[in-house]
Amino acid sequence: MATLDGVHRVLNPDGVFISIAFGQPHFRRPLFMDPKLTCSLEITLLAMDSIIFSIQR
């Protein structure tokens, strides 16, 4: 969670952060759904084992 806190802190108002994960989304989704992160979240499934999480401020 410390990494996402840092990303949220330094992300420009119109910035985008993209995280590519190679695992099931239910493991990472709780990290991105933290109420402290006042950003929009988009989850894109690329394949059975590839997910893109993008945060836009």
PDB file of N, CA and C in Angstrom:
ATOM      1  N   MET A   1       0.815  -1.193   0.000  1.00  0.00           N
ATOM      2  CA  MET A   1       0.000   0.000   0.000  1.00  0.00           C
ATOM      3  C   MET A   1       0.860   1.258   0.000  1.00  0.00           C
ATOM      4  N   ALA A   2       2.057   1.174   0.563  1.00  0.00           N
ATOM      5  CA  ALA A   2       2.939   2.337   0.605  1.00  0.00           C
ATOM      6  C   ALA A   2       3.278   2.818  -0.802  1.00  0.00           C
ATOM      7  N   THR A   3       3.429   1.892  -1.736  1.00  0.00           N
ATOM      8  CA  THR A   3       3.740   2.275  -3.113  1.00  0.00           C
ATOM      9  C   THR A   3       2.607   3.083  -3.715  1.00  0.00           C
ATOM     10  N   LEU A   4       1.365   2.636  -3.544  1.00  0.00           N
ATOM     11  CA  LEU A   4       0.235   3.370  -4.098  1.00  0.00           C
ATOM     12  C   LEU A   4       0.034   4.707  -3.412  1.00  0.00           C
ATOM     13  N   ASP A   5       0.331   4.790  -2.128  1.00  0.00           N
ATOM     14  CA  ASP A   5       0.273   6.082  -1.430  1.00  0.00           C
ATOM     15  C   ASP A   5       1.255   7.058  -2.068  1.00  0.00           C
ATOM     16  N   GLY A   6       2.453   6.579  -2.365  1.00  0.00           N
ATOM     17  CA  GLY A   6       3.463   7.423  -3.001  1.00  0.00           C
ATOM     18  C   GLY A   6       3.064   7.839  -4.406  1.00  0.00           C
ATOM     19  N   VAL A   7       2.502   6.919  -5.161  1.00  0.00           N
ATOM     20  CA  VAL A   7       2.034   7.236  -6.517  1.00  0.00           C
ATOM     21  C   VAL A   7       0.948   8.300  -6.444  1.00  0.00           C
ATOM     22  N   HIS A   8       0.006   8.136  -5.553  1.00  0.00           N
ATOM     23  CA  HIS A   8      -1.086   9.102  -5.411  1.00  0.00           C
ATOM     24  C   HIS A   8      -0.560  10.475  -5.007  1.00  0.00           C
ATOM     25  N   ARG A   9       0.461  10.489  -4.181  1.00  0.00           N
ATOM     26  CA  ARG A   9       1.021  11.754  -3.689  1.00  0.00           C
ATOM     27  C   ARG A   9       1.707  12.535  -4.806  1.00  0.00           C
ATOM     28  N   VAL A  10       2.420  11.865  -5.715  1.00  0.00           N
ATOM     29  CA  VAL A  10       3.200  12.573  -6.729  1.00  0.00           C
ATOM     30  C   VAL A  10       2.521  12.646  -8.098  1.00  0.00           C
ATOM     31  N   LEU A  11       1.391  11.966  -8.260  1.00  0.00           N
ATOM     32  CA  LEU A  11       0.712  11.965  -9.554  1.00  0.00           C
ATOM     33  C   LEU A  11       0.105  13.335  -9.836  1.00  0.00           C
ATOM     34  N   ASN A  12       0.387  13.862 -11.013  1.00  0.00           N
ATOM     35  CA  ASN A  12      -0.170  15.151 -11.419  1.00  0.00           C
ATOM     36  C   ASN A  12      -1.696  15.062 -11.496  1.00  0.00           C
ATOM     37  N   PRO A  13      -2.392  16.206 -11.399  1.00  0.00           N
ATOM     38  CA  PRO A  13      -3.856  16.188 -11.456  1.00  0.00           C
ATOM     39  C   PRO A  13      -4.417  15.506 -12.705  1.00  0.00           C
ATOM     40  N   ASP A  14      -3.720  15.571 -13.833  1.00  0.00           N
ATOM     41  CA  ASP A  14      -4.216  14.903 -15.038  1.00  0.00           C
ATOM     42  C   ASP A  14      -3.350  13.681 -15.387  1.00  0.00           C
ATOM     43  N   GLY A  15      -2.581  13.196 -14.411  1.00  0.00           N
ATOM     44  CA  GLY A  15      -1.665  12.077 -14.628  1.00  0.00           C
ATOM     45  C   GLY A  15      -2.359  10.723 -14.594  1.00  0.00           C
ATOM     46  N   VAL A  16      -1.667   9.736 -15.144  1.00  0.00           N
ATOM     47  CA  VAL A  16      -2.153   8.359 -15.177  1.00  0.00           C
ATOM     48  C   VAL A  16      -1.037   7.450 -14.694  1.00  0.00           C
ATOM     49  N   PHE A  17      -1.372   6.511 -13.824  1.00  0.00           N
ATOM     50  CA  PHE A  17      -0.437   5.483 -13.356  1.00  0.00           C
ATOM     51  C   PHE A  17      -0.949   4.145 -13.853  1.00  0.00           C
ATOM     52  N   ILE A  18      -0.081   3.360 -14.477  1.00  0.00           N
ATOM     53  CA  ILE A  18      -0.467   2.057 -15.015  1.00  0.00           C
ATOM     54  C   ILE A  18       0.352   0.981 -14.329  1.00  0.00           C
ATOM     55  N   SER A  19      -0.324  -0.036 -13.856  1.00  0.00           N
ATOM     56  CA  SER A  19       0.315  -1.194 -13.223  1.00  0.00           C
ATOM     57  C   SER A  19      -0.133  -2.438 -13.977  1.00  0.00           C
ATOM     58  N   ILE A  20       0.830  -3.216 -14.464  1.00  0.00           N
ATOM     59  CA  ILE A  20       0.522  -4.461 -15.156  1.00  0.00           C
ATOM     60  C   ILE A  20       0.824  -5.607 -14.203  1.00  0.00           C
ATOM     61  N   ALA A  21      -0.152  -6.456 -13.995  1.00  0.00           N
ATOM     62  CA  ALA A  21      -0.005  -7.572 -13.055  1.00  0.00           C
ATOM     63  C   ALA A  21      -0.231  -8.886 -13.792  1.00  0.00           C
ATOM     64  N   PHE A  22       0.483  -9.887 -13.363  1.00  0.00           N
ATOM     65  CA  PHE A  22       0.346 -11.220 -13.946  1.00  0.00           C
ATOM     66  C   PHE A  22      -0.206 -12.166 -12.888  1.00  0.00           C
ATOM     67  N   GLY A  23      -1.427 -11.966 -12.538  1.00  0.00           N
ATOM     68  CA  GLY A  23      -2.091 -12.771 -11.524  1.00  0.00           C
ATOM     69  C   GLY A  23      -3.563 -12.441 -11.496  1.00  0.00           C
ATOM     70  N   GLN A  24      -4.303 -13.097 -10.657  1.00  0.00           N
ATOM     71  CA  GLN A  24      -5.735 -12.876 -10.562  1.00  0.00           C
ATOM     72  C   GLN A  24      -6.021 -11.480  -9.992  1.00  0.00           C
ATOM     73  N   PRO A  25      -6.981 -10.746 -10.559  1.00  0.00           N
ATOM     74  CA  PRO A  25      -7.246  -9.377 -10.113  1.00  0.00           C
ATOM     75  C   PRO A  25      -7.749  -9.278  -8.678  1.00  0.00           C
ATOM     76  N   HIS A  26      -8.363 -10.332  -8.153  1.00  0.00           N
ATOM     77  CA  HIS A  26      -8.912 -10.227  -6.802  1.00  0.00           C
ATOM     78  C   HIS A  26      -7.827 -10.106  -5.737  1.00  0.00           C
ATOM     79  N   PHE A  27      -6.573 -10.396  -6.076  1.00  0.00           N
ATOM     80  CA  PHE A  27      -5.476 -10.208  -5.124  1.00  0.00           C
ATOM     81  C   PHE A  27      -5.075  -8.735  -5.012  1.00  0.00           C
ATOM     82  N   ARG A  28      -5.130  -8.006  -6.099  1.00  0.00           N
ATOM     83  CA  ARG A  28      -4.675  -6.607  -6.099  1.00  0.00           C
ATOM     84  C   ARG A  28      -5.800  -5.595  -5.994  1.00  0.00           C
ATOM     85  N   ARG A  29      -6.978  -5.966  -6.384  1.00  0.00           N
ATOM     86  CA  ARG A  29      -8.100  -5.020  -6.385  1.00  0.00           C
ATOM     87  C   ARG A  29      -8.290  -4.333  -5.030  1.00  0.00           C
ATOM     88  N   PRO A  30      -8.211  -5.034  -3.880  1.00  0.00           N
ATOM     89  CA  PRO A  30      -8.388  -4.339  -2.593  1.00  0.00           C
ATOM     90  C   PRO A  30      -7.379  -3.215  -2.370  1.00  0.00           C
ATOM     91  N   LEU A  31      -6.168  -3.368  -2.898  1.00  0.00           N
ATOM     92  CA  LEU A  31      -5.167  -2.304  -2.752  1.00  0.00           C
ATOM     93  C   LEU A  31      -5.584  -1.051  -3.504  1.00  0.00           C
ATOM     94  N   PHE A  32      -6.147  -1.242  -4.697  1.00  0.00           N
ATOM     95  CA  PHE A  32      -6.542  -0.112  -5.524  1.00  0.00           C
ATOM     96  C   PHE A  32      -7.880   0.492  -5.090  1.00  0.00           C
ATOM     97  N   MET A  33      -8.651  -0.224  -4.290  1.00  0.00           N
ATOM     98  CA  MET A  33      -9.963   0.257  -3.866  1.00  0.00           C
ATOM     99  C   MET A  33      -9.904   1.009  -2.534  1.00  0.00           C
ATOM    100  N   ASP A  34      -8.730   1.305  -2.039  1.00  0.00           N
ATOM    101  CA  ASP A  34      -8.570   2.019  -0.773  1.00  0.00           C
ATOM    102  C   ASP A  34      -9.250   3.386  -0.855  1.00  0.00           C
ATOM    103  N   PRO A  35     -10.094   3.743   0.108  1.00  0.00           N
ATOM    104  CA  PRO A  35     -10.801   5.034   0.070  1.00  0.00           C
ATOM    105  C   PRO A  35      -9.875   6.240   0.104  1.00  0.00           C
ATOM    106  N   LYS A  36      -8.630   6.073   0.572  1.00  0.00           N
ATOM    107  CA  LYS A  36      -7.684   7.198   0.590  1.00  0.00           C
ATOM    108  C   LYS A  36      -7.271   7.601  -0.816  1.00  0.00           C
ATOM    109  N   LEU A  37      -7.377   6.694  -1.778  1.00  0.00           N
ATOM    110  CA  LEU A  37      -6.992   6.999  -3.150  1.00  0.00           C
ATOM    111  C   LEU A  37      -8.177   7.638  -3.861  1.00  0.00           C
ATOM    112  N   THR A  38      -8.114   8.943  -4.002  1.00  0.00           N
ATOM    113  CA  THR A  38      -9.216   9.676  -4.626  1.00  0.00           C
ATOM    114  C   THR A  38      -8.965   9.771  -6.125  1.00  0.00           C
ATOM    115  N   CYS A  39      -8.991   8.643  -6.782  1.00  0.00           N
ATOM    116  CA  CYS A  39      -8.732   8.545  -8.212  1.00  0.00           C
ATOM    117  C   CYS A  39      -9.748   7.607  -8.831  1.00  0.00           C
ATOM    118  N   SER A  40      -9.834   7.670 -10.148  1.00  0.00           N
ATOM    119  CA  SER A  40     -10.669   6.691 -10.836  1.00  0.00           C
ATOM    120  C   SER A  40      -9.805   5.486 -11.186  1.00  0.00           C
ATOM    121  N   LEU A  41     -10.395   4.320 -11.134  1.00  0.00           N
ATOM    122  CA  LEU A  41      -9.682   3.074 -11.391  1.00  0.00           C
ATOM    123  C   LEU A  41     -10.312   2.368 -12.566  1.00  0.00           C
ATOM    124  N   GLU A  42      -9.465   1.907 -13.478  1.00  0.00           N
ATOM    125  CA  GLU A  42      -9.929   1.104 -14.600  1.00  0.00           C
ATOM    126  C   GLU A  42      -9.149  -0.197 -14.590  1.00  0.00           C
ATOM    127  N   ILE A  43      -9.847  -1.308 -14.698  1.00  0.00           N
ATOM    128  CA  ILE A  43      -9.207  -2.622 -14.725  1.00  0.00           C
ATOM    129  C   ILE A  43      -9.476  -3.243 -16.089  1.00  0.00           C
ATOM    130  N   THR A  44      -8.407  -3.616 -16.790  1.00  0.00           N
ATOM    131  CA  THR A  44      -8.512  -4.211 -18.112  1.00  0.00           C
ATOM    132  C   THR A  44      -7.881  -5.592 -18.086  1.00  0.00           C
ATOM    133  N   LEU A  45      -8.634  -6.598 -18.474  1.00  0.00           N
ATOM    134  CA  LEU A  45      -8.121  -7.960 -18.537  1.00  0.00           C
ATOM    135  C   LEU A  45      -7.549  -8.187 -19.929  1.00  0.00           C
ATOM    136  N   LEU A  46      -6.239  -8.446 -20.004  1.00  0.00           N
ATOM    137  CA  LEU A  46      -5.586  -8.671 -21.299  1.00  0.00           C
ATOM    138  C   LEU A  46      -5.668 -10.130 -21.720  1.00  0.00           C
ATOM    139  N   ALA A  47      -5.424 -11.006 -20.797  1.00  0.00           N
ATOM    140  CA  ALA A  47      -5.450 -12.441 -21.060  1.00  0.00           C
ATOM    141  C   ALA A  47      -5.808 -13.124 -19.748  1.00  0.00           C
ATOM    142  N   MET A  48      -5.760 -14.410 -19.726  1.00  0.00           N
ATOM    143  CA  MET A  48      -6.114 -15.155 -18.517  1.00  0.00           C
ATOM    144  C   MET A  48      -5.241 -14.769 -17.323  1.00  0.00           C
ATOM    145  N   ASP A  49      -4.018 -14.326 -17.574  1.00  0.00           N
ATOM    146  CA  ASP A  49      -3.102 -14.045 -16.471  1.00  0.00           C
ATOM    147  C   ASP A  49      -2.459 -12.667 -16.550  1.00  0.00           C
ATOM    148  N   SER A  50      -3.044 -11.735 -17.296  1.00  0.00           N
ATOM    149  CA  SER A  50      -2.484 -10.391 -17.426  1.00  0.00           C
ATOM    150  C   SER A  50      -3.576  -9.353 -17.216  1.00  0.00           C
ATOM    151  N   ILE A  51      -3.349  -8.465 -16.258  1.00  0.00           N
ATOM    152  CA  ILE A  51      -4.329  -7.437 -15.933  1.00  0.00           C
ATOM    153  C   ILE A  51      -3.630  -6.083 -15.912  1.00  0.00           C
ATOM    154  N   ILE A  52      -4.285  -5.073 -16.428  1.00  0.00           N
ATOM    155  CA  ILE A  52      -3.781  -3.704 -16.344  1.00  0.00           C
ATOM    156  C   ILE A  52      -4.672  -2.942 -15.376  1.00  0.00           C
ATOM    157  N   PHE A  53      -4.069  -2.356 -14.359  1.00  0.00           N
ATOM    158  CA  PHE A  53      -4.764  -1.448 -13.446  1.00  0.00           C
ATOM    159  C   PHE A  53      -4.294  -0.046 -13.807  1.00  0.00           C
ATOM    160  N   SER A  54      -5.196   0.842 -14.156  1.00  0.00           N
ATOM    161  CA  SER A  54      -4.792   2.219 -14.424  1.00  0.00           C
ATOM    162  C   SER A  54      -5.559   3.160 -13.504  1.00  0.00           C
ATOM    163  N   ILE A  55      -4.795   4.059 -12.893  1.00  0.00           N
ATOM    164  CA  ILE A  55      -5.349   5.046 -11.974  1.00  0.00           C
ATOM    165  C   ILE A  55      -5.223   6.403 -12.635  1.00  0.00           C
ATOM    166  N   GLN A  56      -6.310   7.135 -12.685  1.00  0.00           N
ATOM    167  CA  GLN A  56      -6.266   8.490 -13.219  1.00  0.00           C
ATOM    168  C   GLN A  56      -6.758   9.436 -12.156  1.00  0.00           C
ATOM    169  N   ARG A  57      -6.007  10.489 -11.975  1.00  0.00           N
ATOM    170  CA  ARG A  57      -6.351  11.465 -10.956  1.00  0.00           C
ATOM    171  C   ARG A  57      -7.298  12.501 -11.471  1.00  0.00           C
TER     172      ARG A  57
END
